[in-house]
C-alpha atoms as a PDB file:
ATOM      1  CA  MET A   1     -10.870 -23.491  -1.975  1.00  0.00           C
ATOM      2  CA  THR A   2     -12.170 -23.978  -5.419  1.00  0.00           C
ATOM      3  CA  LEU A   3     -10.255 -24.416  -8.548  1.00  0.00           C
ATOM      4  CA  LEU A   4     -12.199 -20.879  -9.581  1.00  0.00           C
ATOM      5  CA  ALA A   5     -10.971 -19.304  -5.952  1.00  0.00           C
ATOM      6  CA  ALA A   6      -7.192 -20.162  -6.572  1.00  0.00           C
ATOM      7  CA  SER A   7      -7.858 -19.496 -10.183  1.00  0.00           C
ATOM      8  CA  LEU A   8      -9.203 -16.041  -8.896  1.00  0.00           C
ATOM      9  CA  LEU A   9      -6.792 -15.039  -6.275  1.00  0.00           C
ATOM     10  CA  PHE A  10      -3.208 -15.800  -8.320  1.00  0.00           C
ATOM     11  CA  LEU A  11      -5.223 -13.459 -11.398  1.00  0.00           C
ATOM     12  CA  ALA A  12      -5.974 -10.210  -8.719  1.00  0.00           C
ATOM     13  CA  GLY A  13      -2.131 -10.953  -7.766  1.00  0.00           C
ATOM     14  CA  PHE A  14      -1.091 -11.143 -11.220  1.00  0.00           C
ATOM     15  CA  LEU A  15      -3.169  -7.764 -11.861  1.00  0.00           C
ATOM     16  CA  SER A  16      -2.162  -5.874  -8.444  1.00  0.00           C
ATOM     17  CA  GLY A  17       1.801  -6.504  -9.468  1.00  0.00           C
ATOM     18  CA  ALA A  18       1.352  -5.254 -12.988  1.00  0.00           C
ATOM     19  CA  ILE A  19      -0.592  -2.281 -11.478  1.00  0.00           C
ATOM     20  CA  ASN A  20       1.733  -1.333  -9.014  1.00  0.00           C
ATOM     21  CA  ALA A  21       4.623  -1.571 -11.564  1.00  0.00           C
ATOM     22  CA  VAL A  22       2.581   0.869 -13.979  1.00  0.00           C
ATOM     23  CA  ALA A  23       0.886   3.537 -11.077  1.00  0.00           C
ATOM     24  CA  GLY A  24       0.421   2.172  -8.089  1.00  0.00           C
ATOM     25  CA  GLY A  25      -2.976   0.981  -6.468  1.00  0.00           C
ATOM     26  CA  GLY A  26      -2.510  -2.691  -7.094  1.00  0.00           C
ATOM     27  CA  THR A  27      -4.290  -3.511  -3.034  1.00  0.00           C
ATOM     28  CA  PHE A  28      -7.116  -2.343  -4.035  1.00  0.00           C
ATOM     29  CA  ILE A  29      -7.011  -5.659  -6.365  1.00  0.00           C
ATOM     30  CA  SER A  30      -5.568  -8.480  -3.400  1.00  0.00           C
ATOM     31  CA  PHE A  31      -7.922  -7.065  -1.222  1.00  0.00           C
ATOM     32  CA  GLY A  32     -11.354  -7.016  -3.127  1.00  0.00           C
ATOM     33  CA  ALA A  33     -10.051 -10.340  -4.283  1.00  0.00           C
ATOM     34  CA  LEU A  34     -10.056 -11.708  -0.899  1.00  0.00           C
ATOM     35  CA  SER A  35     -13.022  -9.861  -0.260  1.00  0.00           C
ATOM     36  CA  LEU A  36     -15.180 -11.144  -2.647  1.00  0.00           C
ATOM     37  CA  ILE A  37     -13.996 -14.971  -2.253  1.00  0.00           C
ATOM     38  CA  GLY A  38     -15.452 -14.529   1.444  1.00  0.00           C
ATOM     39  CA  VAL A  39     -12.582 -13.727   3.638  1.00  0.00           C
ATOM     40  CA  ALA A  40     -13.006 -11.419   6.333  1.00  0.00           C
ATOM     41  CA  PRO A  41     -12.554  -8.166   6.634  1.00  0.00           C
ATOM     42  CA  ILE A  42      -9.668  -7.898   8.557  1.00  0.00           C
ATOM     43  CA  SER A  43      -8.363 -11.154   7.542  1.00  0.00           C
ATOM     44  CA  ALA A  44      -7.633  -9.609   3.807  1.00  0.00           C
ATOM     45  CA  ASN A  45      -6.730  -6.577   4.597  1.00  0.00           C
ATOM     46  CA  ALA A  46      -3.643  -8.624   6.481  1.00  0.00           C
ATOM     47  CA  SER A  47      -3.350 -10.774   3.748  1.00  0.00           C
ATOM     48  CA  SER A  48      -3.447  -8.336   1.286  1.00  0.00           C
ATOM     49  CA  SER A  49      -0.511  -6.623   3.152  1.00  0.00           C
ATOM     50  CA  ILE A  50       1.723  -9.653   2.967  1.00  0.00           C
ATOM     51  CA  ALA A  51       1.458 -10.286  -0.379  1.00  0.00           C
ATOM     52  CA  GLN A  52       2.666  -6.917  -1.448  1.00  0.00           C
ATOM     53  CA  ILE A  53       5.504  -6.736   0.399  1.00  0.00           C
ATOM     54  CA  PRO A  54       8.678  -8.316  -1.666  1.00  0.00           C
ATOM     55  CA  GLY A  55       7.561  -5.439  -4.289  1.00  0.00           C
ATOM     56  CA  TYR A  56       8.526  -3.251  -1.177  1.00  0.00           C
ATOM     57  CA  ILE A  57      11.882  -5.115  -1.105  1.00  0.00           C
ATOM     58  CA  THR A  58      12.750  -5.198  -4.882  1.00  0.00           C
ATOM     59  CA  SER A  59      11.800  -1.506  -5.369  1.00  0.00           C
ATOM     60  CA  THR A  60      14.141  -0.469  -2.144  1.00  0.00           C
ATOM     61  CA  ILE A  61      16.769  -2.333  -3.538  1.00  0.00           C
ATOM     62  CA  ALA A  62      16.834  -0.380  -6.455  1.00  0.00           C
ATOM     63  CA  TYR A  63      17.103   2.492  -5.082  1.00  0.00           C
ATOM     64  CA  TRP A  64      20.205   1.446  -2.739  1.00  0.00           C
ATOM     65  CA  ARG A  65      22.089   4.244  -3.667  1.00  0.00           C
ATOM     66  CA  ASP A  66      19.949   6.815  -3.109  1.00  0.00           C
ATOM     67  CA  ILE A  67      19.590   5.701   0.005  1.00  0.00           C
ATOM     68  CA  ALA A  68      22.883   5.208   0.590  1.00  0.00           C
ATOM     69  CA  GLY A  69      23.076   8.617   0.741  1.00  0.00           C
ATOM     70  CA  MET A  70      20.604   9.478   3.529  1.00  0.00           C
ATOM     71  CA  TRP A  71      20.451   6.569   5.844  1.00  0.00           C
ATOM     72  CA  ARG A  72      21.181   8.287   8.782  1.00  0.00           C
ATOM     73  CA  GLY A  73      17.764  11.129   8.075  1.00  0.00           C
ATOM     74  CA  ALA A  74      16.283   7.759   6.821  1.00  0.00           C
ATOM     75  CA  LEU A  75      16.536   5.901  10.676  1.00  0.00           C
ATOM     76  CA  LEU A  76      14.999   8.352  12.295  1.00  0.00           C
ATOM     77  CA  LEU A  77      11.360   8.198   9.723  1.00  0.00           C
ATOM     78  CA  CYS A  78      11.871   4.508   9.917  1.00  0.00           C
ATOM     79  CA  GLY A  79      11.933   3.994  13.821  1.00  0.00           C
ATOM     80  CA  LEU A  80       8.890   6.933  13.786  1.00  0.00           C
ATOM     81  CA  SER A  81       6.988   4.247  10.992  1.00  0.00           C
ATOM     82  CA  ALA A  82       7.620   1.414  13.204  1.00  0.00           C
ATOM     83  CA  LEU A  83       5.746   3.152  15.968  1.00  0.00           C
ATOM     84  CA  GLY A  84       3.327   4.262  14.079  1.00  0.00           C
ATOM     85  CA  ALA A  85       2.808   0.739  11.803  1.00  0.00           C
ATOM     86  CA  LEU A  86       2.799  -1.058  15.422  1.00  0.00           C
ATOM     87  CA  MET A  87      -0.003   1.859  16.530  1.00  0.00           C
ATOM     88  CA  GLY A  88      -2.297   1.120  13.570  1.00  0.00           C
ATOM     89  CA  ALA A  89      -2.397  -2.819  13.205  1.00  0.00           C
ATOM     90  CA  LEU A  90      -3.187  -2.931  17.252  1.00  0.00           C
ATOM     91  CA  VAL A  91      -6.111  -1.227  16.638  1.00  0.00           C
ATOM     92  CA  LEU A  92      -7.384  -3.028  13.947  1.00  0.00           C
ATOM     93  CA  LEU A  93      -6.563  -5.778  15.804  1.00  0.00           C
ATOM     94  CA  ALA A  94      -8.643  -4.785  18.485  1.00  0.00           C
ATOM     95  CA  LEU A  95     -11.730  -4.185  16.486  1.00  0.00           C
ATOM     96  CA  ASP A  96     -13.775  -7.283  15.473  1.00  0.00           C
ATOM     97  CA  ASN A  97     -14.579  -7.492  11.354  1.00  0.00           C
ATOM     98  CA  PRO A  98     -18.400  -6.267  12.134  1.00  0.00           C
ATOM     99  CA  SER A  99     -17.210  -2.622  13.367  1.00  0.00           C
ATOM    100  CA  PHE A 100     -14.065  -2.901  11.063  1.00  0.00           C
ATOM    101  CA  ARG A 101     -16.559  -3.771   7.986  1.00  0.00           C
ATOM    102  CA  ALA A 102     -18.658  -0.741   8.650  1.00  0.00           C
ATOM    103  CA  MET A 103     -15.589   1.149   8.471  1.00  0.00           C
ATOM    104  CA  VAL A 104     -14.232  -0.293   5.417  1.00  0.00           C
ATOM    105  CA  PRO A 105     -16.578   1.808   2.540  1.00  0.00           C
ATOM    106  CA  TRP A 106     -15.208   5.314   3.728  1.00  0.00           C
ATOM    107  CA  LEU A 107     -11.634   3.815   3.960  1.00  0.00           C
ATOM    108  CA  LEU A 108     -12.132   2.106   0.264  1.00  0.00           C
ATOM    109  CA  ILE A 109     -14.027   6.136  -0.984  1.00  0.00           C
ATOM    110  CA  ALA A 110     -11.182   8.193   1.185  1.00  0.00           C
ATOM    111  CA  ALA A 111      -8.333   5.911  -0.616  1.00  0.00           C
ATOM    112  CA  THR A 112      -9.631   5.987  -3.745  1.00  0.00           C
ATOM    113  CA  ALA A 113      -9.859   9.220  -3.756  1.00  0.00           C
ATOM    114  CA  LEU A 114      -6.702   9.340  -2.829  1.00  0.00           C
ATOM    115  CA  PHE A 115      -5.507   7.443  -5.860  1.00  0.00           C
ATOM    116  CA  ALA A 116      -7.604   9.437  -8.437  1.00  0.00           C
ATOM    117  CA  ALA A 117      -5.908  12.672  -6.978  1.00  0.00           C
ATOM    118  CA  GLY A 118      -2.097  11.597  -7.640  1.00  0.00           C
ATOM    119  CA  PRO A 119      -1.207  13.155 -10.575  1.00  0.00           C
ATOM    120  CA  TRP A 120      -1.875  16.421  -8.360  1.00  0.00           C
ATOM    121  CA  LEU A 121      -0.014  14.980  -4.942  1.00  0.00           C
ATOM    122  CA  LYS A 122       3.693  14.173  -7.039  1.00  0.00           C
ATOM    123  CA  PRO A 123       6.431  16.310  -4.970  1.00  0.00           C
ATOM    124  CA  LYS A 124       7.650  19.449  -6.422  1.00  0.00           C
ATOM    125  CA  PRO A 125      10.832  19.670  -7.717  1.00  0.00           C
ATOM    126  CA  ARG A 126      13.425  20.278  -5.793  1.00  0.00           C
ATOM    127  CA  ASP A 127      14.100  24.201  -6.439  1.00  0.00           C
ATOM    128  CA  GLU A 128      10.508  24.805  -5.713  1.00  0.00           C
ATOM    129  CA  ALA A 129      10.220  22.953  -2.606  1.00  0.00           C
ATOM    130  CA  GLY A 130      11.263  23.353   0.732  1.00  0.00           C
ATOM    131  CA  PRO A 131      11.677  21.004   4.441  1.00  0.00           C
ATOM    132  CA  VAL A 132       8.823  21.848   6.745  1.00  0.00           C
ATOM    133  CA  HIS A 133       9.769  22.274  10.693  1.00  0.00           C
ATOM    134  CA  ALA A 134      11.662  18.962  10.981  1.00  0.00           C
ATOM    135  CA  ILE A 135       9.022  17.845  14.325  1.00  0.00           C
ATOM    136  CA  THR A 136       6.365  18.570  11.534  1.00  0.00           C
ATOM    137  CA  GLY A 137       8.134  16.342   9.305  1.00  0.00           C
ATOM    138  CA  ARG A 138       7.797  13.190  12.135  1.00  0.00           C
ATOM    139  CA  ILE A 139       4.780  13.834  13.203  1.00  0.00           C
ATOM    140  CA  VAL A 140       3.512  13.651   9.550  1.00  0.00           C
ATOM    141  CA  GLN A 141       5.349  10.419   9.136  1.00  0.00           C
ATOM    142  CA  PHE A 142       3.942   8.812  12.369  1.00  0.00           C
ATOM    143  CA  LEU A 143       0.366   9.633  11.444  1.00  0.00           C
ATOM    144  CA  THR A 144       1.163   8.149   8.102  1.00  0.00           C
ATOM    145  CA  ALA A 145       2.362   5.098   9.410  1.00  0.00           C
ATOM    146  CA  VAL A 146      -0.048   4.744  11.561  1.00  0.00           C
ATOM    147  CA  TYR A 147      -3.037   5.035   8.571  1.00  0.00           C
ATOM    148  CA  GLY A 148      -0.050   2.352   6.850  1.00  0.00           C
ATOM    149  CA  GLY A 149      -0.509  -0.103   9.796  1.00  0.00           C
ATOM    150  CA  PHE A 150      -4.296  -0.107  10.228  1.00  0.00           C
ATOM    151  CA  PHE A 151      -5.698   0.350   5.972  1.00  0.00           C
ATOM    152  CA  GLY A 152      -2.761  -0.326   3.589  1.00  0.00           C
ATOM    153  CA  ALA A 153      -4.954   1.093   0.131  1.00  0.00           C
ATOM    154  CA  GLY A 154      -3.117   4.177  -0.511  1.00  0.00           C
ATOM    155  CA  MET A 155      -0.580   4.271   1.685  1.00  0.00           C
ATOM    156  CA  GLY A 156       2.151   4.807  -0.908  1.00  0.00           C
ATOM    157  CA  ILE A 157       0.959   7.820  -2.940  1.00  0.00           C
ATOM    158  CA  MET A 158      -0.052   9.284   0.348  1.00  0.00           C
ATOM    159  CA  MET A 159       3.352   9.011   1.639  1.00  0.00           C
ATOM    160  CA  LEU A 160       5.062   9.899  -1.555  1.00  0.00           C
ATOM    161  CA  ALA A 161       3.197  13.261  -1.449  1.00  0.00           C
ATOM    162  CA  THR A 162       3.963  14.035   2.342  1.00  0.00           C
ATOM    163  CA  LEU A 163       7.398  13.487   1.884  1.00  0.00           C
ATOM    164  CA  GLY A 164       7.429  16.030  -1.258  1.00  0.00           C
ATOM    165  CA  ILE A 165       6.143  18.949   1.854  1.00  0.00           C
ATOM    166  CA  THR A 166       8.326  17.685   4.234  1.00  0.00           C
ATOM    167  CA  GLU A 167      11.281  16.469   2.895  1.00  0.00           C
ATOM    168  CA  ARG A 168      13.979  18.266   0.447  1.00  0.00           C
ATOM    169  CA  GLY A 169      14.844  16.085  -2.701  1.00  0.00           C
ATOM    170  CA  ASP A 170      13.862  15.401  -5.929  1.00  0.00           C
ATOM    171  CA  TYR A 171      11.260  12.595  -7.192  1.00  0.00           C
ATOM    172  CA  HIS A 172      13.707   9.745  -6.836  1.00  0.00           C
ATOM    173  CA  ARG A 173      15.086  10.559  -3.845  1.00  0.00           C
ATOM    174  CA  LEU A 174      11.673  10.847  -1.912  1.00  0.00           C
ATOM    175  CA  ASN A 175      10.210   7.327  -3.813  1.00  0.00           C
ATOM    176  CA  ALA A 176      13.530   6.168  -2.386  1.00  0.00           C
ATOM    177  CA  LEU A 177      12.994   7.140   0.936  1.00  0.00           C
ATOM    178  CA  LYS A 178       8.898   5.734   0.385  1.00  0.00           C
ATOM    179  CA  ASN A 179       9.896   2.373  -0.473  1.00  0.00           C
ATOM    180  CA  MET A 180      11.948   2.050   2.302  1.00  0.00           C
ATOM    181  CA  LEU A 181       9.580   3.392   4.701  1.00  0.00           C
ATOM    182  CA  SER A 182       7.098   1.154   2.830  1.00  0.00           C
ATOM    183  CA  ILE A 183       8.869  -1.812   4.133  1.00  0.00           C
ATOM    184  CA  VAL A 184       9.368  -1.055   7.625  1.00  0.00           C
ATOM    185  CA  ILE A 185       5.328   0.034   8.324  1.00  0.00           C
ATOM    186  CA  ALA A 186       4.580  -3.457   6.463  1.00  0.00           C
ATOM    187  CA  ALA A 187       6.974  -5.484   8.063  1.00  0.00           C
ATOM    188  CA  VAL A 188       5.947  -4.138  11.489  1.00  0.00           C
ATOM    189  CA  ALA A 189       2.328  -4.347  10.344  1.00  0.00           C
ATOM    190  CA  ILE A 190       3.129  -8.266   9.109  1.00  0.00           C
ATOM    191  CA  THR A 191       4.529  -8.970  12.421  1.00  0.00           C
ATOM    192  CA  VAL A 192       1.501  -7.905  14.601  1.00  0.00           C
ATOM    193  CA  PHE A 193      -0.863 -10.036  11.982  1.00  0.00           C
ATOM    194  CA  VAL A 194       0.762 -12.950  12.177  1.00  0.00           C
ATOM    195  CA  SER A 195       1.035 -12.788  15.758  1.00  0.00           C
ATOM    196  CA  GLY A 196      -2.637 -12.140  16.280  1.00  0.00           C
ATOM    197  CA  GLY A 197      -3.610 -14.835  14.113  1.00  0.00           C
ATOM    198  CA  VAL A 198      -5.548 -12.975  11.489  1.00  0.00           C
ATOM    199  CA  VAL A 199      -3.629 -14.283   8.073  1.00  0.00           C
ATOM    200  CA  ALA A 200      -5.423 -15.927   5.394  1.00  0.00           C
ATOM    201  CA  TRP A 201      -2.285 -18.269   4.756  1.00  0.00           C
ATOM    202  CA  ARG A 202      -3.609 -20.563   2.268  1.00  0.00           C
ATOM    203  CA  GLU A 203      -5.582 -17.390   0.324  1.00  0.00           C
ATOM    204  CA  VAL A 204      -1.719 -15.497   0.195  1.00  0.00           C
ATOM    205  CA  ALA A 205       0.163 -18.653  -1.290  1.00  0.00           C
ATOM    206  CA  PHE A 206      -1.649 -18.200  -4.866  1.00  0.00           C
ATOM    207  CA  ILE A 207      -1.688 -14.379  -4.736  1.00  0.00           C
ATOM    208  CA  VAL A 208       2.489 -14.221  -4.268  1.00  0.00           C
ATOM    209  CA  PRO A 209       2.967 -16.236  -7.239  1.00  0.00           C
ATOM    210  CA  GLY A 210       0.775 -13.866  -9.411  1.00  0.00           C
ATOM    211  CA  VAL A 211       1.869 -10.714  -7.462  1.00  0.00           C
ATOM    212  CA  ALA A 212       5.893 -11.651  -8.923  1.00  0.00           C
ATOM    213  CA  CYS A 213       4.766 -12.099 -12.090  1.00  0.00           C
ATOM    214  CA  GLY A 214       2.509  -9.108 -12.571  1.00  0.00           C
ATOM    215  CA  GLY A 215       5.469  -7.427 -11.288  1.00  0.00           C
ATOM    216  CA  TYR A 216       7.610  -8.419 -14.137  1.00  0.00           C
ATOM    217  CA  THR A 217       4.990  -8.348 -17.125  1.00  0.00           C
ATOM    218  CA  GLY A 218       4.591  -4.431 -15.350  1.00  0.00           C
ATOM    219  CA  VAL A 219       7.299  -3.282 -16.491  1.00  0.00           C
ATOM    220  CA  TRP A 220       6.698  -4.395 -20.305  1.00  0.00           C
ATOM    221  CA  ALA A 221       3.275  -2.448 -19.797  1.00  0.00           C
ATOM    222  CA  ALA A 222       4.334   0.644 -18.185  1.00  0.00           C
ATOM    223  CA  ARG A 223       5.540   1.300 -21.463  1.00  0.00           C
ATOM    224  CA  ARG A 224       2.563   0.523 -23.294  1.00  0.00           C
ATOM    225  CA  VAL A 225      -0.438   1.014 -21.601  1.00  0.00           C
ATOM    226  CA  PRO A 226      -1.427   4.712 -20.711  1.00  0.00           C
ATOM    227  CA  GLN A 227      -1.054   5.417 -16.381  1.00  0.00           C
ATOM    228  CA  THR A 228      -4.453   7.355 -17.306  1.00  0.00           C
ATOM    229  CA  VAL A 229      -5.866   3.965 -18.445  1.00  0.00           C
ATOM    230  CA  VAL A 230      -4.558   1.982 -15.301  1.00  0.00           C
ATOM    231  CA  ARG A 231      -5.634   4.619 -12.730  1.00  0.00           C
ATOM    232  CA  GLY A 232      -9.284   4.559 -14.883  1.00  0.00           C
ATOM    233  CA  PHE A 233      -9.331   1.034 -13.999  1.00  0.00           C
ATOM    234  CA  VAL A 234      -8.166   1.207 -10.045  1.00  0.00           C
ATOM    235  CA  VAL A 235     -10.381   4.033  -9.604  1.00  0.00           C
ATOM    236  CA  ALA A 236     -13.290   2.004 -11.027  1.00  0.00           C
ATOM    237  CA  PHE A 237     -12.563  -1.223  -8.944  1.00  0.00           C
ATOM    238  CA  GLY A 238     -11.834   0.730  -5.890  1.00  0.00           C
ATOM    239  CA  LEU A 239     -15.578   2.054  -6.269  1.00  0.00           C
ATOM    240  CA  PHE A 240     -17.054  -1.015  -6.968  1.00  0.00           C
ATOM    241  CA  LEU A 241     -15.501  -2.288  -4.182  1.00  0.00           C
ATOM    242  CA  ALA A 242     -17.148   0.533  -1.872  1.00  0.00           C
ATOM    243  CA  GLY A 243     -20.188  -0.383  -3.220  1.00  0.00           C
ATOM    244  CA  TYR A 244     -20.008  -3.920  -2.540  1.00  0.00           C
ATOM    245  CA  TYR A 245     -19.045  -3.806   0.777  1.00  0.00           C
ATOM    246  CA  THR A 246     -21.571  -0.758   1.599  1.00  0.00           C
ATOM    247  CA  VAL A 247     -24.665  -3.304   0.085  1.00  0.00           C
ATOM    248  CA  THR A 248     -23.591  -5.969   1.914  1.00  0.00           C
ATOM    249  CA  GLY A 249     -22.660  -4.678   5.060  1.00  0.00           C
END
């Protein structure tokens, strides 16, 4: 690996961690950097998922009190999320890189559109939102987990939006549940990816320290940088990646 590639991965990790702390969507950056230095699409997707899991863990710890008050219902959703993530990750490994590469532009466009719509997909306040039928909510979470195991970009925004429809509670309760379920989905997917031998460990070793530094700095940036600026950058980068995969595909 060249010094330039190593520096690019660390910078991508830094930006990814910082953007996740401010507005979410950092997966676009880490996935994009891995793609640009020549990592195969399936390996880039798997490696990017591994790089993000420290942020999921720390976010869940910060919400531990909220989770403690809803652990029974959360356990069932965790089980469904694990099953969905397993299915999504196995489907990914069943594809070859050319097949997955052909899908990536459309996945990126869909995830970018979802991210751009994020402000309009936030959960409604408690007095405006009630839970739909329990079975429907579980099916929706299972399908979201399948997507997360297959292609993680935009998963958090998607899950927060669907939980706002299917679960009762304020934003912080739903965000706590989202973070917990994200750990389950990421852990299952990573286990499958590691067993399948598709993780680019050398590249991950340069991204993870950047994610850690960026996550810490992102707390500072979150108080100073407008989220609209960060969101615009992520959307532009997502569209750039979609164009890149379309042209080079």
